[in-house]
N, C-alpha and C. Protein backbone atom coordinates (compact mmCIF):
# COMPACT_ATOMS: atom_id res chain seq x y z
N MET A 1 14.83 27.90 -0.62
CA MET A 1 14.53 27.81 0.16
C MET A 1 13.65 26.15 -0.52
N VAL A 2 13.74 25.35 0.62
CA VAL A 2 13.13 24.03 0.14
C VAL A 2 11.72 24.03 0.84
N ALA A 3 10.56 23.79 0.04
CA ALA A 3 9.04 23.33 0.64
C ALA A 3 8.75 21.96 0.83
N VAL A 4 8.30 21.60 2.23
CA VAL A 4 7.79 20.66 1.54
C VAL A 4 6.19 20.54 2.21
N ASP A 5 5.45 19.96 1.34
CA ASP A 5 4.00 19.83 1.83
C ASP A 5 3.68 18.71 1.52
N VAL A 6 3.20 17.87 2.62
CA VAL A 6 2.70 16.50 2.86
C VAL A 6 1.17 16.77 3.34
N VAL A 7 0.24 15.38 2.28
CA VAL A 7 -0.88 15.73 2.98
C VAL A 7 -1.09 14.08 3.41
N LEU A 8 -1.67 14.15 4.93
CA LEU A 8 -2.27 12.97 5.77
C LEU A 8 -3.70 12.30 5.36
N ASP A 9 -4.44 12.33 5.04
CA ASP A 9 -5.37 11.27 5.15
C ASP A 9 -6.06 11.67 6.40
N PRO A 10 -6.89 10.64 6.26
CA PRO A 10 -7.97 10.69 7.83
C PRO A 10 -7.39 10.23 9.34
N ALA A 11 -6.80 8.90 8.68
CA ALA A 11 -6.72 8.16 9.19
C ALA A 11 -4.95 8.80 9.61
N GLY A 12 -4.44 10.18 9.69
CA GLY A 12 -2.96 10.59 9.34
C GLY A 12 -1.61 9.77 8.94
N LEU A 13 -2.25 9.24 7.77
CA LEU A 13 -0.92 8.48 6.91
C LEU A 13 -0.91 9.42 5.55
N ILE A 14 0.10 9.06 5.18
CA ILE A 14 0.44 9.82 4.21
C ILE A 14 -0.25 9.66 3.19
N LYS A 15 -1.00 10.62 2.78
CA LYS A 15 -1.08 10.54 0.95
C LYS A 15 -0.57 11.42 -0.36
N SER A 16 0.07 12.32 0.41
CA SER A 16 1.26 12.91 -1.25
C SER A 16 1.86 13.66 -0.50
N CYS A 17 3.39 14.02 -0.86
CA CYS A 17 4.17 14.89 -0.51
C CYS A 17 4.75 15.68 -1.70
N LYS A 18 5.15 17.08 -1.60
CA LYS A 18 5.51 17.50 -2.71
C LYS A 18 7.19 18.07 -2.09
N VAL A 19 8.00 17.78 -2.35
CA VAL A 19 8.98 18.43 -2.18
C VAL A 19 9.64 19.09 -3.15
N SER A 20 9.87 20.64 -2.93
CA SER A 20 10.53 21.68 -4.62
C SER A 20 11.31 22.81 -4.06
N GLY A 21 12.18 22.66 -4.69
CA GLY A 21 13.19 24.63 -4.35
C GLY A 21 14.06 24.31 -4.08
N HIS A 22 14.85 24.61 -3.62
CA HIS A 22 16.49 24.71 -3.49
C HIS A 22 16.50 25.33 -1.88
N ALA A 23 17.66 24.55 -1.28
CA ALA A 23 17.69 24.93 0.68
C ALA A 23 18.64 26.56 -0.10
N GLY A 24 19.98 26.61 -0.60
CA GLY A 24 20.67 27.40 -0.41
C GLY A 24 21.70 27.79 0.84
N ALA A 25 21.84 26.05 1.28
CA ALA A 25 22.77 26.37 2.26
C ALA A 25 24.12 25.65 2.11
N GLY A 26 24.31 25.92 0.53
CA GLY A 26 25.63 25.21 0.52
C GLY A 26 25.02 25.03 -0.60
N PRO A 27 27.03 24.73 -1.74
CA PRO A 27 27.28 25.15 -2.87
C PRO A 27 26.21 23.88 -3.38
N ARG A 28 26.10 23.64 -4.61
CA ARG A 28 25.25 23.00 -5.68
C ARG A 28 26.53 21.60 -5.18
N ASN A 29 25.58 20.24 -5.41
CA ASN A 29 26.40 19.28 -4.78
C ASN A 29 27.10 19.42 -3.26
N GLY A 30 26.65 19.89 -2.74
CA GLY A 30 27.52 19.97 -1.42
C GLY A 30 26.67 20.99 -0.02
N ASP A 31 25.05 20.98 -0.70
CA ASP A 31 24.21 21.61 0.19
C ASP A 31 23.82 20.46 1.32
N VAL A 32 23.79 20.47 2.63
CA VAL A 32 23.86 19.41 3.40
C VAL A 32 22.03 19.42 3.56
N VAL A 33 21.26 21.00 3.14
CA VAL A 33 19.86 20.40 3.69
C VAL A 33 18.82 19.77 1.93
N CYS A 34 19.98 20.32 1.08
CA CYS A 34 18.76 19.43 0.04
C CYS A 34 19.50 18.03 0.32
N ALA A 35 20.37 17.72 0.73
CA ALA A 35 21.34 16.66 0.24
C ALA A 35 20.53 15.23 1.19
N ALA A 36 20.00 16.14 2.69
CA ALA A 36 19.09 15.30 3.45
C ALA A 36 17.56 15.36 3.40
N VAL A 37 17.20 16.32 2.80
CA VAL A 37 15.40 16.09 2.15
C VAL A 37 15.34 15.24 1.28
N SER A 38 16.17 15.17 0.40
CA SER A 38 16.40 13.87 -1.36
C SER A 38 17.00 12.92 -0.37
N VAL A 39 17.08 12.84 0.74
CA VAL A 39 17.29 10.85 1.00
C VAL A 39 16.23 11.33 1.74
N LEU A 40 16.03 11.69 2.92
CA LEU A 40 14.46 11.24 3.28
C LEU A 40 13.26 11.26 2.34
N SER A 41 12.81 11.91 1.75
CA SER A 41 12.15 12.16 0.42
C SER A 41 12.08 10.89 -0.32
N ARG A 42 13.07 10.51 -0.82
CA ARG A 42 13.99 9.32 -1.67
C ARG A 42 13.32 8.03 -0.96
N THR A 43 14.26 8.12 0.07
CA THR A 43 13.94 6.72 0.60
C THR A 43 12.67 6.24 1.21
N ALA A 44 11.47 7.07 1.68
CA ALA A 44 10.70 6.75 1.72
C ALA A 44 9.37 6.09 0.18
N LEU A 45 9.37 7.17 -0.20
CA LEU A 45 9.25 6.41 -1.60
C LEU A 45 9.68 5.44 -1.96
N ARG A 46 10.63 5.28 -2.25
CA ARG A 46 11.60 4.10 -2.84
C ARG A 46 10.91 2.64 -1.80
N THR A 47 11.10 3.10 -0.44
CA THR A 47 9.99 1.90 0.60
C THR A 47 9.19 2.32 0.76
N LEU A 48 7.85 2.44 0.34
CA LEU A 48 6.48 2.65 -0.31
C LEU A 48 6.45 2.08 -1.55
N THR A 49 7.13 1.70 -2.57
CA THR A 49 7.07 1.19 -3.71
C THR A 49 7.34 -0.49 -3.83
N LYS A 50 8.17 -0.89 -2.54
CA LYS A 50 8.16 -2.28 -2.10
C LYS A 50 7.39 -2.46 -0.87
N THR A 51 6.87 -1.67 -0.50
CA THR A 51 5.56 -2.63 0.15
C THR A 51 4.50 -2.90 -0.06
N ASP A 52 4.11 -4.18 0.15
CA ASP A 52 3.32 -5.19 -0.21
C ASP A 52 1.84 -4.09 -0.13
N GLY A 53 0.53 -3.95 -0.86
CA GLY A 53 -0.70 -3.37 -0.51
C GLY A 53 -0.77 -2.05 -0.74
N VAL A 54 0.79 -1.47 -1.11
CA VAL A 54 0.92 -0.04 -1.59
C VAL A 54 0.99 0.51 -2.71
N THR A 55 0.36 1.64 -3.33
CA THR A 55 0.41 1.91 -4.42
C THR A 55 1.44 3.29 -4.92
N ALA A 56 2.47 3.60 -4.58
CA ALA A 56 2.74 5.06 -4.88
C ALA A 56 3.14 4.66 -5.88
N ARG A 57 3.05 6.19 -6.24
CA ARG A 57 3.46 6.83 -7.94
C ARG A 57 4.31 8.04 -7.04
N GLY A 58 5.81 8.29 -8.58
CA GLY A 58 6.69 9.19 -7.64
C GLY A 58 6.99 9.76 -9.03
N LYS A 59 7.36 11.15 -9.18
CA LYS A 59 8.39 11.38 -10.10
C LYS A 59 9.36 12.87 -9.81
N ALA A 60 10.22 13.07 -10.25
CA ALA A 60 11.08 13.96 -9.88
C ALA A 60 11.28 14.80 -12.07
N PRO A 61 10.48 15.76 -11.95
CA PRO A 61 10.81 16.48 -12.99
C PRO A 61 11.80 16.53 -13.24
N GLN A 62 12.66 17.65 -12.13
CA GLN A 62 14.21 18.35 -12.03
C GLN A 62 14.34 18.50 -11.03
N ARG A 63 15.91 19.07 -11.06
CA ARG A 63 16.71 19.21 -9.66
C ARG A 63 15.90 20.14 -9.33
N GLY A 64 15.50 19.63 -7.69
CA GLY A 64 14.70 20.36 -6.96
C GLY A 64 13.13 19.65 -6.55
N GLU A 65 12.55 19.38 -7.68
CA GLU A 65 11.74 18.96 -7.29
C GLU A 65 11.05 17.29 -7.08
N LEU A 66 9.96 16.88 -6.26
CA LEU A 66 10.10 15.36 -6.11
C LEU A 66 8.36 15.64 -6.31
N PHE A 67 7.66 14.72 -6.12
CA PHE A 67 5.61 14.19 -5.93
C PHE A 67 6.11 13.34 -5.83
N MET A 68 5.70 12.68 -4.85
CA MET A 68 4.54 11.17 -4.60
C MET A 68 3.14 11.20 -3.82
N GLU A 69 2.36 9.85 -5.01
CA GLU A 69 1.17 9.79 -4.15
C GLU A 69 1.14 8.27 -3.51
N ILE A 70 0.13 8.51 -2.86
CA ILE A 70 0.38 6.91 -2.62
C ILE A 70 -1.04 6.08 -2.15
N ASP A 71 -1.47 5.26 -2.40
CA ASP A 71 -2.56 4.69 -1.87
C ASP A 71 -2.14 2.97 -1.34
N TYR A 72 -3.03 2.40 -0.10
CA TYR A 72 -2.95 0.92 1.15
C TYR A 72 -3.53 0.74 0.82
N THR A 73 -3.88 -0.66 0.98
CA THR A 73 -5.09 -0.87 1.14
C THR A 73 -4.78 -1.35 3.31
N GLU A 74 -5.77 -1.70 3.67
CA GLU A 74 -5.55 -1.78 4.75
C GLU A 74 -4.61 -2.87 5.51
N ALA A 75 -4.72 -3.82 5.28
CA ALA A 75 -3.37 -4.72 5.49
C ALA A 75 -1.74 -4.06 5.37
N SER A 76 -1.53 -3.06 5.10
CA SER A 76 -0.50 -2.54 4.58
C SER A 76 -0.30 -0.84 5.22
N LYS A 77 -1.26 -0.95 6.26
CA LYS A 77 -1.64 0.20 6.77
C LYS A 77 -0.43 0.38 8.50
N ASP A 78 -0.15 -0.39 9.07
CA ASP A 78 0.87 -0.39 9.15
C ASP A 78 2.16 -0.40 9.42
N GLN A 79 2.85 -0.81 8.02
CA GLN A 79 4.00 0.16 7.50
C GLN A 79 3.49 1.12 6.78
N VAL A 80 2.49 1.54 6.40
CA VAL A 80 2.75 3.14 5.90
C VAL A 80 2.49 3.97 6.98
N ALA A 81 2.08 3.56 8.32
CA ALA A 81 2.00 4.61 9.95
C ALA A 81 3.35 4.90 10.25
N GLY A 82 4.30 3.47 9.75
CA GLY A 82 5.55 3.87 10.23
C GLY A 82 6.41 4.51 8.99
N ILE A 83 6.00 4.49 7.81
CA ILE A 83 7.00 5.07 6.57
C ILE A 83 6.64 6.57 6.76
N THR A 84 5.49 7.01 7.16
CA THR A 84 4.70 8.46 7.68
C THR A 84 5.05 9.15 8.76
N ALA A 85 5.70 7.86 9.59
CA ALA A 85 6.41 9.06 11.01
C ALA A 85 7.85 8.88 10.74
N PHE A 86 8.63 8.28 9.90
CA PHE A 86 9.67 7.90 9.79
C PHE A 86 9.87 9.80 8.33
N LEU A 87 9.38 10.09 7.77
CA LEU A 87 9.50 10.88 6.76
C LEU A 87 9.20 12.23 7.54
N LEU A 88 8.28 12.40 8.44
CA LEU A 88 7.60 13.58 9.28
C LEU A 88 8.09 13.69 9.75
N GLU A 89 9.11 12.78 10.74
CA GLU A 89 10.12 13.00 11.83
C GLU A 89 11.50 14.27 11.14
N GLY A 90 11.64 13.28 10.21
CA GLY A 90 12.95 13.23 9.75
C GLY A 90 13.06 14.74 8.65
N MET A 91 11.83 15.06 8.50
CA MET A 91 11.44 16.79 7.66
C MET A 91 11.84 17.82 8.67
N LEU A 92 10.69 16.87 9.70
CA LEU A 92 10.72 18.26 10.75
C LEU A 92 11.45 18.16 11.43
N SER A 93 12.47 17.32 11.80
CA SER A 93 13.95 17.73 11.96
C SER A 93 15.13 18.44 11.24
N VAL A 94 14.90 18.55 10.06
CA VAL A 94 15.99 19.29 9.10
C VAL A 94 14.96 20.77 9.53
N SER A 95 13.90 20.96 9.04
CA SER A 95 13.28 21.92 8.84
C SER A 95 13.58 23.10 10.32
N GLU A 96 13.79 22.41 11.68
CA GLU A 96 13.96 22.70 13.27
C GLU A 96 15.57 23.16 13.52
N GLU A 97 16.12 22.76 12.43
CA GLU A 97 17.59 22.98 12.68
C GLU A 97 18.17 23.65 11.36
N PHE A 98 17.75 23.91 10.80
CA PHE A 98 17.45 24.83 9.30
C PHE A 98 16.66 25.82 8.53
N PRO A 99 15.72 26.13 9.19
CA PRO A 99 14.06 26.89 9.35
C PRO A 99 14.31 27.90 8.35
N GLU A 100 15.53 28.64 7.97
CA GLU A 100 15.28 29.54 7.28
C GLU A 100 15.78 28.98 5.45
N HIS A 101 15.95 28.00 6.02
CA HIS A 101 16.41 26.52 4.50
C HIS A 101 15.61 25.54 4.33
N CYS A 102 14.61 25.66 5.25
CA CYS A 102 13.54 24.03 5.38
C CYS A 102 11.93 24.63 5.74
N CYS A 103 11.23 24.43 5.26
CA CYS A 103 9.81 24.30 5.31
C CYS A 103 8.56 23.49 5.14
N VAL A 104 8.05 23.06 6.50
CA VAL A 104 7.84 21.95 6.25
C VAL A 104 6.14 22.34 6.88
N ARG A 105 4.61 22.91 5.34
CA ARG A 105 4.02 21.87 5.94
C ARG A 105 2.89 20.98 5.99
N ILE A 106 2.19 20.84 6.41
CA ILE A 106 1.19 19.49 7.19
C ILE A 106 -0.31 19.46 6.82
N GLN A 107 -0.58 19.30 6.32
CA GLN A 107 -2.18 19.51 5.79
C GLN A 107 -3.52 17.86 5.71
N ARG A 108 -3.79 17.78 7.21
CA ARG A 108 -4.70 16.39 7.40
C ARG A 108 -6.31 16.67 6.78
N GLU A 109 -6.21 16.15 5.83
CA GLU A 109 -7.75 16.06 5.24
C GLU A 109 -8.84 15.21 6.34
N ARG A 110 -9.74 15.54 6.00
CA ARG A 110 -11.08 15.23 7.63
C ARG A 110 -11.73 14.42 6.57
N ARG A 111 -12.95 13.15 7.38
CA ARG A 111 -13.19 12.43 7.04
C ARG A 111 -14.47 12.80 6.45
């Protein structure tokens, strides 16, 4: 099972995301769930790192693991909101299609 843990700040924007585990929905290098989650998380991280006013730190220490943390300025808030929406919608879609292979947990920080 792939676990996706997303922490949103009080504004509802991504603060961090941790992806861990293996879906087990297909053979190694042929698992559509792992591929979908990898593409979504890596695309979000790469887009965030290229966005002015955003500091994104990420690491993938081994297969099946990715972690990212994000800080942003007020000027980049709209772009971060769009990337947050992309990531959440994509991950939730994967978990709805393959609930036995992907679990998404969202934590919202309070002010």
